[in-house]
Structure formats: structure tokens, C-alpha cells
Amino acid sequence: MKRERILQFGALLWLMSVWILLWGNVSWGNILGGLAVGAIIMVLMPLPRVPVEGRVHFLPLLRLAVMFVYYSLQSSLQIAWLALRPGPPPVTGVLRYQLGIKSDLVLTLCIDVLNLIPGTMVLEIDQVRRIVYVHVLDMGSQKAVSQFYRTVAQLERLFIEAFERDSDWKPSPWHNRDQQYDDPAQEGSS
């Protein structure tokens, strides 16, 4: 089975599961109805093709999930302390970080995780240069700024280990396709 077929089958199972959850009970009728509705949705409203260019490594993916929970708890406690402590409001600001992530899909997942960590909000993404601009709630000390950079570097490393190891990397035919239309040097050469 090709990877694309496996992903389509997974999407069909996901749609079937949502259908069953909407009806509230597992029965043969709901399973068959969910498969039928899922197939109709996939045929009539197909999602755009998203290139999958690496391989999933489950142990690093598990470490990524554990670190995400840890960073979320740590950040939530820090935000609670900032809200409850006496004194002036925290110093906020925007920091940038250049990611070494190659795939747009993995970049999107990484941005989603950054946005889910309390106290951070990705404001802008430079897709070509892979630079993210992140609003950080607490920049009151060099220690807090360094902690932000360590957190993002750790998440980046875990995403690369989980999805983009160089040994498994196979760029899709669509990799960087959109960037050639945005590059002024490419437009002049056409």
C-alpha cells in the first residue's frame, strides 16, 4: 500500500469515528453510515494534497508529546505566578527564531504546538527563510528570554527527530514549489 492510500484510509477511519461520536453509540449501522458519509466527503470535498516527506518515529514522537505537556504545565504555572504576584505587569515582546524544519507540514505542527504553550503566540511566519516571530509574555529577564530560546530549540529538535531525520528525508515533487513564485529572482529569469 502506498503512503497516500494509508493516509486516505486513516482519514476515512477518522471521519467514521467522528460520525460514531456524533451519534453517541457504536453500532453496525453507525459504522457503515460513518464509512459511507466519510467516503462521500472525501470524494465530493477532497482536501488539498499535503506532501509527507519524512517518516514518523514513534519514540521521539512520544518524547515530543511528553515535553509538550511539561512545557504547557511549566508555562501555565509561570503565567499563574505572573497574574497573582504583586508588582507591575510583565515585560512582553516579540522574539524571532529561525527553525531548521524543512517540511511545511511539520512546520505547521511546530507552530501549532508553540501556539498551544501558554504565554506564547506566533505572530508571523517567514515561510521561505523559516523564521517565526513569537510574542512572549515574560521577557523581564535574560533568564526568561534564554528559557524561551531553549524551549523552542528543544521542540525543534524533537520535531526533526520525530518526522524529518536526514536518513528518511525524501522531498516531494511539491517541496518549495510555491516559493519559486514568490522569489523575485525567479520571476526575472522566466
Protein backbone atom coordinates (compact mmCIF):
# COMPACT_ATOMS: atom_id res chain seq x y z
CA MET A 1 0.00 0.00 0.00
CA LYS A 2 1.33 3.41 -0.89
CA ARG A 3 1.70 6.04 1.80
CA GLU A 4 -1.03 8.18 0.20
CA ARG A 5 -3.53 5.30 0.36
CA ILE A 6 -2.66 4.69 4.00
CA LEU A 7 -3.30 8.37 4.77
CA GLN A 8 -6.62 8.28 2.91
CA PHE A 9 -7.65 5.17 4.81
CA GLY A 10 -6.69 6.89 8.08
CA ALA A 11 -8.77 9.95 7.13
CA LEU A 12 -11.73 7.68 6.32
CA LEU A 13 -11.42 5.97 9.71
CA TRP A 14 -11.22 9.37 11.39
CA LEU A 15 -14.38 10.58 9.65
CA MET A 16 -16.13 7.35 10.59
CA SER A 17 -15.08 7.85 14.23
CA VAL A 18 -16.43 11.40 14.23
CA TRP A 19 -19.73 10.11 12.81
CA ILE A 20 -19.97 7.49 15.56
CA LEU A 21 -19.19 10.10 18.22
CA LEU A 22 -21.88 12.38 16.81
CA TRP A 23 -24.48 9.60 17.10
CA GLY A 24 -23.26 8.62 20.56
CA ASN A 25 -23.13 4.83 20.25
CA VAL A 26 -21.20 2.18 18.39
CA SER A 27 -23.40 0.02 16.17
CA TRP A 28 -23.00 -1.66 12.80
CA GLY A 29 -25.37 0.90 11.29
CA ASN A 30 -23.29 3.81 12.63
CA ILE A 31 -20.05 2.18 11.47
CA LEU A 32 -21.38 1.60 7.94
CA GLY A 33 -23.08 5.00 7.87
CA GLY A 34 -19.84 6.66 9.03
CA LEU A 35 -17.86 4.88 6.32
CA ALA A 36 -20.42 5.96 3.68
CA VAL A 37 -20.54 9.57 4.85
CA GLY A 38 -16.73 9.66 5.13
CA ALA A 39 -16.33 8.30 1.58
CA ILE A 40 -18.82 10.84 0.21
CA ILE A 41 -16.99 13.68 1.98
CA MET A 42 -13.64 12.50 0.67
CA VAL A 43 -14.94 12.27 -2.91
CA LEU A 44 -17.02 15.46 -3.02
CA MET A 45 -14.78 17.66 -0.86
CA PRO A 46 -11.22 16.35 -1.12
CA LEU A 47 -8.54 18.04 0.91
CA PRO A 48 -5.56 19.52 -0.92
CA ARG A 49 -2.55 17.25 -1.23
CA VAL A 50 -0.09 17.76 1.58
CA PRO A 51 3.35 16.36 0.90
CA VAL A 52 4.58 13.93 3.52
CA GLU A 53 8.33 13.92 3.13
CA GLY A 54 9.73 12.08 6.12
CA ARG A 55 8.84 9.16 8.32
CA VAL A 56 7.22 9.09 11.74
CA HIS A 57 9.46 7.81 14.53
CA PHE A 58 7.26 6.88 17.47
CA LEU A 59 9.74 7.08 20.36
CA PRO A 60 10.77 10.69 19.54
CA LEU A 61 7.07 11.46 18.94
CA LEU A 62 6.33 10.19 22.44
CA ARG A 63 9.17 12.33 23.85
CA LEU A 64 7.73 15.30 21.94
CA ALA A 65 4.30 14.72 23.50
CA VAL A 66 5.81 14.44 27.00
CA MET A 67 7.85 17.63 26.52
CA PHE A 68 4.79 19.46 25.21
CA VAL A 69 2.84 18.53 28.35
CA TYR A 70 5.82 19.53 30.53
CA TYR A 71 6.25 22.91 28.80
CA SER A 72 2.50 23.56 28.97
CA LEU A 73 2.40 22.87 32.72
CA GLN A 74 5.55 24.88 33.36
CA SER A 75 4.28 27.81 31.33
CA SER A 76 0.83 27.67 32.96
CA LEU A 77 2.42 27.89 36.41
CA GLN A 78 4.59 30.81 35.27
CA ILE A 79 1.55 32.65 33.90
CA ALA A 80 -0.38 31.99 37.10
CA TRP A 81 2.51 33.43 39.10
CA LEU A 82 2.71 36.49 36.82
CA ALA A 83 -1.02 37.06 37.28
CA LEU A 84 -1.01 36.66 41.07
CA ARG A 85 2.27 38.24 42.10
CA PRO A 86 2.30 41.81 43.34
CA GLY A 87 4.06 44.34 41.18
CA PRO A 88 3.95 45.74 37.68
CA PRO A 89 2.78 43.69 34.71
CA PRO A 90 5.42 41.55 32.99
CA VAL A 91 7.58 42.89 30.20
CA THR A 92 6.34 41.44 26.90
CA GLY A 93 7.85 41.47 23.45
CA VAL A 94 8.39 39.73 20.16
CA LEU A 95 11.28 37.36 19.62
CA ARG A 96 12.31 35.66 16.41
CA TYR A 97 13.67 32.21 15.87
CA GLN A 98 14.91 30.53 12.72
CA LEU A 99 13.72 26.94 12.54
CA GLY A 100 15.61 24.17 10.78
CA ILE A 101 12.41 22.36 9.84
CA LYS A 102 12.18 21.57 6.11
CA SER A 103 8.61 20.34 5.59
CA ASP A 104 5.64 22.72 5.55
CA LEU A 105 3.52 20.11 7.30
CA VAL A 106 5.98 19.71 10.17
CA LEU A 107 6.46 23.49 10.32
CA THR A 108 2.70 23.86 10.74
CA LEU A 109 2.67 21.25 13.51
CA CYS A 110 5.52 23.01 15.29
CA ILE A 111 3.75 26.39 15.04
CA ASP A 112 0.58 24.79 16.43
CA VAL A 113 2.50 23.44 19.42
CA LEU A 114 4.14 26.83 20.03
CA ASN A 115 0.72 28.49 19.98
CA LEU A 116 -0.66 25.95 22.46
CA ILE A 117 2.03 26.68 25.03
CA PRO A 118 0.61 29.38 27.32
CA GLY A 119 2.46 32.68 27.17
CA THR A 120 3.48 32.41 23.52
CA MET A 121 1.71 33.36 20.30
CA VAL A 122 3.24 33.07 16.84
CA LEU A 123 2.56 36.36 15.07
CA GLU A 124 4.28 35.86 11.74
CA ILE A 125 5.97 33.11 9.77
CA ASP A 126 8.55 33.76 7.08
CA GLN A 127 7.98 30.52 5.21
CA VAL A 128 10.92 30.90 2.82
CA ARG A 129 13.53 31.61 5.49
CA ARG A 130 11.73 29.52 8.16
CA ILE A 131 11.76 32.38 10.66
CA VAL A 132 8.96 32.67 13.21
CA TYR A 133 8.14 35.82 15.15
CA VAL A 134 6.67 34.93 18.53
CA HIS A 135 5.03 37.19 21.10
CA VAL A 136 6.33 36.17 24.52
CA LEU A 137 4.50 37.13 27.70
CA ASP A 138 7.51 37.25 30.02
CA MET A 139 10.72 38.87 28.78
CA GLY A 140 11.57 40.56 32.09
CA SER A 141 15.00 38.98 32.39
CA GLN A 142 17.72 37.45 30.27
CA LYS A 143 16.92 34.15 32.00
CA ALA A 144 13.31 34.27 30.71
CA VAL A 145 14.47 35.08 27.16
CA SER A 146 17.04 32.27 27.27
CA GLN A 147 14.36 29.89 28.54
CA PHE A 148 12.17 30.74 25.52
CA TYR A 149 15.02 30.03 23.09
CA ARG A 150 15.85 26.74 24.87
CA THR A 151 12.20 25.68 24.72
CA VAL A 152 11.87 26.39 21.01
CA ALA A 153 15.22 24.73 20.24
CA GLN A 154 14.14 21.62 22.18
CA LEU A 155 10.78 21.47 20.36
CA GLU A 156 12.51 21.95 17.00
CA ARG A 157 14.97 19.15 17.74
CA LEU A 158 12.16 16.81 18.81
CA PHE A 159 10.09 17.59 15.70
CA ILE A 160 13.08 16.90 13.46
CA GLU A 161 13.83 13.64 15.29
CA ALA A 162 10.19 12.57 15.11
CA PHE A 163 9.46 13.49 11.48
CA GLU A 164 12.46 14.74 9.48
CA ARG A 165 15.57 12.71 10.05
CA ASP A 166 18.02 13.24 7.21
CA SER A 167 18.23 9.47 6.61
CA ASP A 168 14.45 9.33 5.92
CA TRP A 169 14.03 12.66 4.15
CA LYS A 170 12.60 12.40 0.65
CA PRO A 171 11.46 15.78 -0.71
CA SER A 172 8.18 15.57 -2.54
CA PRO A 173 7.77 16.95 -6.07
CA TRP A 174 5.85 19.87 -4.49
CA HIS A 175 8.61 20.80 -2.00
CA ASN A 176 9.42 24.54 -2.31
CA ARG A 177 7.15 24.79 -5.38
CA ASP A 178 5.26 27.82 -4.07
CA GLN A 179 8.45 29.61 -3.09
CA GLN A 180 9.66 29.86 -6.67
CA TYR A 181 6.62 32.02 -7.46
CA ASP A 182 7.42 34.35 -4.55
CA ASP A 183 11.12 34.76 -5.41
CA PRO A 184 11.71 37.94 -7.48
CA ALA A 185 14.96 36.49 -8.88
CA GLN A 186 12.98 33.58 -10.35
CA GLU A 187 10.42 35.92 -11.92
CA GLY A 188 13.08 37.85 -13.81
CA SER A 189 14.62 34.70 -15.23
CA SER A 190 11.33 33.40 -16.65
